[in-house]
Amino acid sequence: MARVTQTEQQEEMSRLEDYLEVIYHLIQDKGYASTVAIAESLRVKPPTVSSMLQRLAAKDYLVHERYRGIKLTDKGARIAKSVIARHSIVSELLLMLGVEDEVAYQDTEGIEHHLQPVTIRKIEGLVDFLRKNPKLLRAIRNHIEE
C-alpha cells in the first residue's frame, strides 16, 4: 500500500481549498456554481472538476446533485470563508509593501494555503497596525524601495 506523504496531503488540501473558494465565489456572484464555470475559473477540464466534486461531497464539504447544482455544506462554507480571509490578509500585506497587483495575487495564491493560523493572526495584527500608522507604513515602504 502506497504511503501518502505530508507534502502530498498538504497539496491535496490546497486543491480542495481552491475548489471550495471558487465554488463559494461563484455562488455568491452568480447564485450557482456549475462544473463548467469551476473548470474555467481553475483552468482545468470539466472531468477533473467532476472528480473533485465527488471527493468534496464524500468529505461532506458540499452536496452535488446532478442537473440540480452544487451547494456548500456549513463545513465547506466555513473552510471557503477561511481561505478567502487568509487570501485577503496576505494580499493586503503584500500590496501595502508595494508589491504590484498581479505579483501580489500570484504570490498570495502560492502561499495562502501554507500558513498556519498563528501566522495568519500575526500577519493580520501587523496589517491592522500598519493601517492605523500610515506614516510608519510609508517609512517602511521608502526603506524597502531604496
N, C-alpha and C. Protein backbone atom coordinates (compact mmCIF):
# COMPACT_ATOMS: atom_id res chain seq x y z
N MET A 1 0.83 -1.17 0.00
CA MET A 1 0.00 0.00 0.00
C MET A 1 0.89 1.25 0.00
N ALA A 2 0.59 2.19 -0.91
CA ALA A 2 1.39 3.41 -1.02
C ALA A 2 1.09 4.35 0.14
N ARG A 3 2.16 4.93 0.68
CA ARG A 3 2.00 5.90 1.77
C ARG A 3 1.88 7.30 1.18
N VAL A 4 1.03 8.08 1.77
CA VAL A 4 0.85 9.46 1.34
C VAL A 4 1.72 10.34 2.24
N THR A 5 2.57 11.13 1.60
CA THR A 5 3.47 11.99 2.38
C THR A 5 2.71 13.21 2.89
N GLN A 6 3.30 13.88 3.85
CA GLN A 6 2.70 15.09 4.40
C GLN A 6 2.58 16.16 3.30
N THR A 7 3.58 16.24 2.44
CA THR A 7 3.55 17.20 1.34
C THR A 7 2.39 16.91 0.41
N GLU A 8 2.17 15.63 0.10
CA GLU A 8 1.05 15.25 -0.77
C GLU A 8 -0.29 15.58 -0.11
N GLN A 9 -0.37 15.37 1.20
CA GLN A 9 -1.60 15.70 1.92
C GLN A 9 -1.86 17.20 1.87
N GLN A 10 -0.79 17.99 2.06
CA GLN A 10 -0.93 19.45 2.02
C GLN A 10 -1.35 19.91 0.63
N GLU A 11 -0.77 19.32 -0.41
CA GLU A 11 -1.13 19.69 -1.78
C GLU A 11 -2.59 19.35 -2.06
N GLU A 12 -3.04 18.20 -1.58
CA GLU A 12 -4.43 17.80 -1.75
C GLU A 12 -5.36 18.78 -1.03
N MET A 13 -5.00 19.15 0.20
CA MET A 13 -5.83 20.11 0.94
C MET A 13 -5.84 21.46 0.24
N SER A 14 -4.72 21.88 -0.33
CA SER A 14 -4.67 23.14 -1.07
C SER A 14 -5.61 23.10 -2.26
N ARG A 15 -5.63 21.98 -2.98
CA ARG A 15 -6.53 21.83 -4.13
C ARG A 15 -7.99 21.88 -3.66
N LEU A 16 -8.29 21.17 -2.57
CA LEU A 16 -9.66 21.18 -2.04
C LEU A 16 -10.08 22.60 -1.68
N GLU A 17 -9.18 23.31 -1.00
CA GLU A 17 -9.47 24.69 -0.60
C GLU A 17 -9.69 25.59 -1.82
N ASP A 18 -8.88 25.41 -2.86
CA ASP A 18 -9.05 26.21 -4.08
C ASP A 18 -10.44 25.99 -4.67
N TYR A 19 -10.85 24.74 -4.73
CA TYR A 19 -12.19 24.43 -5.26
C TYR A 19 -13.28 25.06 -4.40
N LEU A 20 -13.17 24.90 -3.09
CA LEU A 20 -14.19 25.45 -2.20
C LEU A 20 -14.27 26.98 -2.32
N GLU A 21 -13.11 27.61 -2.44
CA GLU A 21 -13.07 29.07 -2.60
C GLU A 21 -13.76 29.49 -3.89
N VAL A 22 -13.45 28.83 -4.98
CA VAL A 22 -14.05 29.16 -6.27
C VAL A 22 -15.56 28.92 -6.23
N ILE A 23 -15.97 27.79 -5.69
CA ILE A 23 -17.40 27.48 -5.60
C ILE A 23 -18.12 28.54 -4.78
N TYR A 24 -17.54 28.91 -3.66
CA TYR A 24 -18.14 29.93 -2.80
C TYR A 24 -18.31 31.24 -3.57
N HIS A 25 -17.25 31.70 -4.25
CA HIS A 25 -17.33 32.95 -5.01
C HIS A 25 -18.37 32.87 -6.13
N LEU A 26 -18.40 31.75 -6.83
CA LEU A 26 -19.39 31.60 -7.92
C LEU A 26 -20.81 31.67 -7.38
N ILE A 27 -21.06 30.99 -6.28
CA ILE A 27 -22.41 31.01 -5.68
C ILE A 27 -22.75 32.43 -5.24
N GLN A 28 -21.80 33.12 -4.63
CA GLN A 28 -22.05 34.50 -4.19
C GLN A 28 -22.29 35.44 -5.38
N ASP A 29 -21.51 35.26 -6.45
CA ASP A 29 -21.60 36.16 -7.60
C ASP A 29 -22.76 35.85 -8.54
N LYS A 30 -22.98 34.55 -8.80
CA LYS A 30 -23.97 34.14 -9.80
C LYS A 30 -25.21 33.48 -9.21
N GLY A 31 -25.10 33.06 -7.96
CA GLY A 31 -26.21 32.33 -7.36
C GLY A 31 -26.10 30.83 -7.53
N TYR A 32 -25.11 30.39 -8.30
CA TYR A 32 -24.89 28.96 -8.53
C TYR A 32 -23.45 28.74 -8.97
N ALA A 33 -23.03 27.49 -8.90
CA ALA A 33 -21.70 27.11 -9.38
C ALA A 33 -21.86 25.89 -10.28
N SER A 34 -21.47 26.02 -11.52
CA SER A 34 -21.55 24.89 -12.46
C SER A 34 -20.17 24.28 -12.65
N THR A 35 -20.16 23.06 -13.11
CA THR A 35 -18.91 22.37 -13.39
C THR A 35 -18.08 23.15 -14.40
N VAL A 36 -18.74 23.67 -15.43
CA VAL A 36 -18.03 24.41 -16.47
C VAL A 36 -17.43 25.69 -15.90
N ALA A 37 -18.19 26.42 -15.08
CA ALA A 37 -17.68 27.68 -14.50
C ALA A 37 -16.50 27.40 -13.56
N ILE A 38 -16.59 26.32 -12.80
CA ILE A 38 -15.48 25.95 -11.90
C ILE A 38 -14.25 25.62 -12.73
N ALA A 39 -14.45 24.83 -13.80
CA ALA A 39 -13.34 24.44 -14.67
C ALA A 39 -12.67 25.68 -15.28
N GLU A 40 -13.48 26.64 -15.73
CA GLU A 40 -12.93 27.87 -16.32
C GLU A 40 -12.14 28.66 -15.28
N SER A 41 -12.69 28.77 -14.09
CA SER A 41 -12.02 29.54 -13.03
C SER A 41 -10.69 28.94 -12.63
N LEU A 42 -10.64 27.61 -12.56
CA LEU A 42 -9.43 26.93 -12.11
C LEU A 42 -8.53 26.48 -13.27
N ARG A 43 -8.98 26.73 -14.49
CA ARG A 43 -8.22 26.34 -15.69
C ARG A 43 -7.92 24.84 -15.72
N VAL A 44 -8.98 24.07 -15.47
CA VAL A 44 -8.89 22.61 -15.56
C VAL A 44 -10.04 22.13 -16.44
N LYS A 45 -10.04 20.85 -16.76
CA LYS A 45 -11.08 20.28 -17.61
C LYS A 45 -12.28 19.87 -16.75
N PRO A 46 -13.50 19.95 -17.31
CA PRO A 46 -14.70 19.57 -16.56
C PRO A 46 -14.65 18.18 -15.92
N PRO A 47 -14.06 17.15 -16.58
CA PRO A 47 -13.99 15.85 -15.90
C PRO A 47 -13.15 15.90 -14.61
N THR A 48 -12.13 16.75 -14.60
CA THR A 48 -11.31 16.93 -13.40
C THR A 48 -12.16 17.53 -12.29
N VAL A 49 -13.00 18.49 -12.65
CA VAL A 49 -13.90 19.11 -11.68
C VAL A 49 -14.88 18.09 -11.15
N SER A 50 -15.46 17.29 -12.04
CA SER A 50 -16.44 16.27 -11.61
C SER A 50 -15.82 15.31 -10.60
N SER A 51 -14.60 14.91 -10.86
CA SER A 51 -13.90 14.02 -9.94
C SER A 51 -13.69 14.68 -8.57
N MET A 52 -13.27 15.94 -8.59
CA MET A 52 -13.04 16.65 -7.34
C MET A 52 -14.36 16.89 -6.60
N LEU A 53 -15.43 17.18 -7.31
CA LEU A 53 -16.73 17.38 -6.67
C LEU A 53 -17.16 16.12 -5.92
N GLN A 54 -16.88 14.97 -6.50
CA GLN A 54 -17.20 13.71 -5.81
C GLN A 54 -16.39 13.59 -4.53
N ARG A 55 -15.10 13.95 -4.57
CA ARG A 55 -14.27 13.87 -3.37
C ARG A 55 -14.73 14.87 -2.31
N LEU A 56 -15.10 16.06 -2.74
CA LEU A 56 -15.58 17.07 -1.81
C LEU A 56 -16.90 16.65 -1.17
N ALA A 57 -17.76 16.04 -1.96
CA ALA A 57 -19.04 15.55 -1.42
C ALA A 57 -18.80 14.41 -0.43
N ALA A 58 -17.86 13.54 -0.74
CA ALA A 58 -17.55 12.42 0.15
C ALA A 58 -17.00 12.91 1.49
N LYS A 59 -16.35 14.07 1.48
CA LYS A 59 -15.80 14.64 2.71
C LYS A 59 -16.80 15.58 3.39
N ASP A 60 -18.01 15.64 2.87
CA ASP A 60 -19.10 16.46 3.43
C ASP A 60 -18.81 17.95 3.35
N TYR A 61 -18.14 18.39 2.27
CA TYR A 61 -17.90 19.81 2.06
C TYR A 61 -18.98 20.42 1.17
N LEU A 62 -19.65 19.59 0.39
CA LEU A 62 -20.69 20.09 -0.49
C LEU A 62 -21.68 18.98 -0.83
N VAL A 63 -22.80 19.42 -1.38
CA VAL A 63 -23.80 18.49 -1.91
C VAL A 63 -23.89 18.81 -3.40
N HIS A 64 -23.74 17.78 -4.22
CA HIS A 64 -23.79 17.96 -5.66
C HIS A 64 -24.82 17.01 -6.23
N GLU A 65 -25.92 17.58 -6.68
CA GLU A 65 -26.96 16.77 -7.30
C GLU A 65 -26.91 17.02 -8.79
N ARG A 66 -26.76 15.96 -9.52
CA ARG A 66 -26.67 16.06 -10.97
C ARG A 66 -27.87 16.84 -11.52
N TYR A 67 -27.59 17.78 -12.38
CA TYR A 67 -28.58 18.65 -13.02
C TYR A 67 -29.30 19.58 -12.04
N ARG A 68 -28.92 19.59 -10.79
CA ARG A 68 -29.56 20.47 -9.80
C ARG A 68 -28.56 21.48 -9.24
N GLY A 69 -27.30 21.17 -9.29
CA GLY A 69 -26.31 22.14 -8.85
C GLY A 69 -25.50 21.72 -7.64
N ILE A 70 -24.73 22.66 -7.18
CA ILE A 70 -23.77 22.44 -6.10
C ILE A 70 -24.13 23.38 -4.96
N LYS A 71 -24.13 22.84 -3.77
CA LYS A 71 -24.39 23.64 -2.57
C LYS A 71 -23.33 23.28 -1.54
N LEU A 72 -22.67 24.29 -1.00
CA LEU A 72 -21.69 24.04 0.04
C LEU A 72 -22.40 23.71 1.34
N THR A 73 -21.87 22.75 2.07
CA THR A 73 -22.37 22.47 3.41
C THR A 73 -21.83 23.56 4.34
N ASP A 74 -22.30 23.58 5.57
CA ASP A 74 -21.76 24.55 6.53
C ASP A 74 -20.25 24.36 6.67
N LYS A 75 -19.83 23.11 6.71
CA LYS A 75 -18.40 22.78 6.84
C LYS A 75 -17.62 23.32 5.63
N GLY A 76 -18.15 23.13 4.43
CA GLY A 76 -17.49 23.62 3.22
C GLY A 76 -17.45 25.13 3.16
N ALA A 77 -18.55 25.78 3.54
CA ALA A 77 -18.60 27.24 3.53
C ALA A 77 -17.63 27.83 4.55
N ARG A 78 -17.51 27.18 5.70
CA ARG A 78 -16.58 27.65 6.74
C ARG A 78 -15.14 27.63 6.22
N ILE A 79 -14.77 26.55 5.55
CA ILE A 79 -13.42 26.44 5.01
C ILE A 79 -13.21 27.47 3.90
N ALA A 80 -14.19 27.63 3.01
CA ALA A 80 -14.08 28.61 1.93
C ALA A 80 -13.88 30.01 2.50
N LYS A 81 -14.66 30.38 3.50
CA LYS A 81 -14.53 31.71 4.11
C LYS A 81 -13.16 31.88 4.77
N SER A 82 -12.65 30.83 5.36
CA SER A 82 -11.34 30.88 5.98
C SER A 82 -10.25 31.11 4.93
N VAL A 83 -10.36 30.42 3.82
CA VAL A 83 -9.38 30.59 2.73
C VAL A 83 -9.45 32.01 2.18
N ILE A 84 -10.67 32.51 2.01
CA ILE A 84 -10.85 33.86 1.49
C ILE A 84 -10.25 34.89 2.45
N ALA A 85 -10.45 34.69 3.74
CA ALA A 85 -9.88 35.61 4.74
C ALA A 85 -8.36 35.57 4.72
N ARG A 86 -7.78 34.35 4.64
CA ARG A 86 -6.31 34.23 4.56
C ARG A 86 -5.79 34.94 3.32
N HIS A 87 -6.47 34.69 2.21
CA HIS A 87 -6.07 35.30 0.94
C HIS A 87 -6.09 36.83 1.07
N SER A 88 -7.15 37.33 1.63
CA SER A 88 -7.32 38.78 1.75
C SER A 88 -6.22 39.41 2.60
N ILE A 89 -5.91 38.81 3.73
CA ILE A 89 -4.94 39.42 4.64
C ILE A 89 -3.52 39.35 4.07
N VAL A 90 -3.17 38.22 3.45
CA VAL A 90 -1.83 38.10 2.85
C VAL A 90 -1.70 39.07 1.68
N SER A 91 -2.72 39.13 0.86
CA SER A 91 -2.71 40.03 -0.28
C SER A 91 -2.60 41.49 0.16
N GLU A 92 -3.36 41.85 1.19
CA GLU A 92 -3.31 43.23 1.68
C GLU A 92 -1.91 43.60 2.16
N LEU A 93 -1.26 42.69 2.88
CA LEU A 93 0.10 42.97 3.34
C LEU A 93 1.04 43.19 2.16
N LEU A 94 0.98 42.32 1.18
CA LEU A 94 1.87 42.46 0.03
C LEU A 94 1.61 43.77 -0.71
N LEU A 95 0.36 44.13 -0.87
CA LEU A 95 0.03 45.40 -1.53
C LEU A 95 0.50 46.59 -0.71
N MET A 96 0.36 46.50 0.61
CA MET A 96 0.86 47.58 1.49
C MET A 96 2.36 47.78 1.32
N LEU A 97 3.06 46.69 1.10
CA LEU A 97 4.51 46.77 0.95
C LEU A 97 4.94 47.26 -0.44
N GLY A 98 3.95 47.46 -1.32
CA GLY A 98 4.26 47.99 -2.64
C GLY A 98 4.43 46.94 -3.72
N VAL A 99 4.05 45.71 -3.44
CA VAL A 99 4.12 44.66 -4.46
C VAL A 99 3.01 44.94 -5.48
N GLU A 100 3.33 44.85 -6.76
CA GLU A 100 2.35 45.11 -7.82
C GLU A 100 1.19 44.12 -7.73
N ASP A 101 0.01 44.56 -8.17
CA ASP A 101 -1.22 43.77 -8.04
C ASP A 101 -1.09 42.33 -8.52
N GLU A 102 -0.62 42.16 -9.74
CA GLU A 102 -0.56 40.80 -10.32
C GLU A 102 0.43 39.92 -9.56
N VAL A 103 1.55 40.49 -9.19
CA VAL A 103 2.56 39.73 -8.44
C VAL A 103 2.00 39.38 -7.06
N ALA A 104 1.34 40.34 -6.42
CA ALA A 104 0.75 40.08 -5.10
C ALA A 104 -0.28 38.96 -5.20
N TYR A 105 -1.09 38.98 -6.26
CA TYR A 105 -2.09 37.93 -6.45
C TYR A 105 -1.42 36.57 -6.61
N GLN A 106 -0.44 36.48 -7.48
CA GLN A 106 0.25 35.21 -7.73
C GLN A 106 0.95 34.71 -6.47
N ASP A 107 1.63 35.60 -5.77
CA ASP A 107 2.33 35.20 -4.55
C ASP A 107 1.34 34.75 -3.48
N THR A 108 0.24 35.47 -3.36
CA THR A 108 -0.78 35.08 -2.37
C THR A 108 -1.31 33.70 -2.68
N GLU A 109 -1.60 33.44 -3.94
CA GLU A 109 -2.08 32.11 -4.34
C GLU A 109 -1.05 31.04 -3.99
N GLY A 110 0.21 31.39 -4.08
CA GLY A 110 1.26 30.42 -3.81
C GLY A 110 1.48 30.11 -2.34
N ILE A 111 1.16 31.07 -1.46
CA ILE A 111 1.49 30.85 -0.05
C ILE A 111 0.29 30.75 0.88
N GLU A 112 -0.90 31.16 0.43
CA GLU A 112 -2.03 31.25 1.36
C GLU A 112 -2.38 29.91 2.02
N HIS A 113 -2.16 28.82 1.37
CA HIS A 113 -2.53 27.51 1.91
C HIS A 113 -1.48 26.96 2.88
N HIS A 114 -0.32 27.57 2.90
CA HIS A 114 0.79 27.01 3.66
C HIS A 114 1.06 27.72 4.99
N LEU A 115 0.22 28.67 5.31
CA LEU A 115 0.41 29.42 6.55
C LEU A 115 -0.45 28.83 7.67
N GLN A 116 0.14 28.74 8.82
CA GLN A 116 -0.57 28.24 10.00
C GLN A 116 -1.47 29.36 10.55
N PRO A 117 -2.54 29.01 11.24
CA PRO A 117 -3.44 30.03 11.81
C PRO A 117 -2.71 31.06 12.67
N VAL A 118 -1.73 30.62 13.45
CA VAL A 118 -0.99 31.56 14.29
C VAL A 118 -0.25 32.59 13.44
N THR A 119 0.28 32.17 12.32
CA THR A 119 0.98 33.08 11.41
C THR A 119 0.01 34.07 10.79
N ILE A 120 -1.14 33.59 10.38
CA ILE A 120 -2.16 34.48 9.81
C ILE A 120 -2.58 35.53 10.83
N ARG A 121 -2.76 35.12 12.08
CA ARG A 121 -3.15 36.08 13.13
C ARG A 121 -2.06 37.15 13.30
N LYS A 122 -0.80 36.74 13.25
CA LYS A 122 0.30 37.70 13.38
C LYS A 122 0.32 38.67 12.19
N ILE A 123 0.15 38.15 11.00
CA ILE A 123 0.12 39.00 9.80
C ILE A 123 -1.07 39.94 9.88
N GLU A 124 -2.21 39.43 10.32
CA GLU A 124 -3.40 40.26 10.46
C GLU A 124 -3.16 41.40 11.46
N GLY A 125 -2.48 41.10 12.56
CA GLY A 125 -2.13 42.12 13.53
C GLY A 125 -1.21 43.18 12.94
N LEU A 126 -0.24 42.73 12.16
CA LEU A 126 0.68 43.66 11.51
C LEU A 126 -0.06 44.55 10.52
N VAL A 127 -0.92 43.96 9.71
CA VAL A 127 -1.69 44.73 8.73
C VAL A 127 -2.56 45.77 9.44
N ASP A 128 -3.20 45.36 10.51
CA ASP A 128 -4.03 46.29 11.28
C ASP A 128 -3.18 47.44 11.82
N PHE A 129 -2.01 47.11 12.37
CA PHE A 129 -1.10 48.13 12.89
C PHE A 129 -0.68 49.10 11.79
N LEU A 130 -0.34 48.57 10.62
CA LEU A 130 0.11 49.43 9.52
C LEU A 130 -1.04 50.29 8.98
N ARG A 131 -2.27 49.77 8.99
CA ARG A 131 -3.43 50.58 8.59
C ARG A 131 -3.58 51.79 9.51
N LYS A 132 -3.33 51.56 10.80
CA LYS A 132 -3.51 52.62 11.81
C LYS A 132 -2.31 53.56 11.89
N ASN A 133 -1.23 53.21 11.23
CA ASN A 133 0.01 54.00 11.29
C ASN A 133 0.55 54.24 9.87
N PRO A 134 -0.16 55.03 9.08
CA PRO A 134 0.26 55.22 7.68
C PRO A 134 1.64 55.85 7.53
N LYS A 135 2.04 56.69 8.48
CA LYS A 135 3.38 57.29 8.40
C LYS A 135 4.45 56.21 8.53
N LEU A 136 4.22 55.29 9.42
CA LEU A 136 5.16 54.18 9.60
C LEU A 136 5.17 53.29 8.36
N LEU A 137 4.01 53.04 7.80
CA LEU A 137 3.94 52.25 6.57
C LEU A 137 4.71 52.94 5.46
N ARG A 138 4.56 54.25 5.31
CA ARG A 138 5.32 54.98 4.28
C ARG A 138 6.82 54.87 4.53
N ALA A 139 7.23 54.97 5.80
CA ALA A 139 8.66 54.85 6.14
C ALA A 139 9.17 53.46 5.77
N ILE A 140 8.38 52.43 6.05
CA ILE A 140 8.78 51.05 5.70
C ILE A 140 8.89 50.92 4.20
N ARG A 141 7.89 51.41 3.47
CA ARG A 141 7.93 51.31 2.00
C ARG A 141 9.13 52.07 1.44
N ASN A 142 9.38 53.25 1.97
CA ASN A 142 10.54 54.03 1.50
C ASN A 142 11.83 53.25 1.75
N HIS A 143 11.92 52.65 2.92
CA HIS A 143 13.13 51.90 3.27
C HIS A 143 13.34 50.71 2.32
N ILE A 144 12.30 49.95 2.07
CA ILE A 144 12.48 48.75 1.24
C ILE A 144 12.60 49.07 -0.25
N GLU A 145 12.19 50.27 -0.64
CA GLU A 145 12.29 50.66 -2.05
C GLU A 145 13.63 51.33 -2.36
N GLU A 146 14.42 51.62 -1.34
CA GLU A 146 15.72 52.27 -1.56
C GLU A 146 16.69 51.34 -2.22
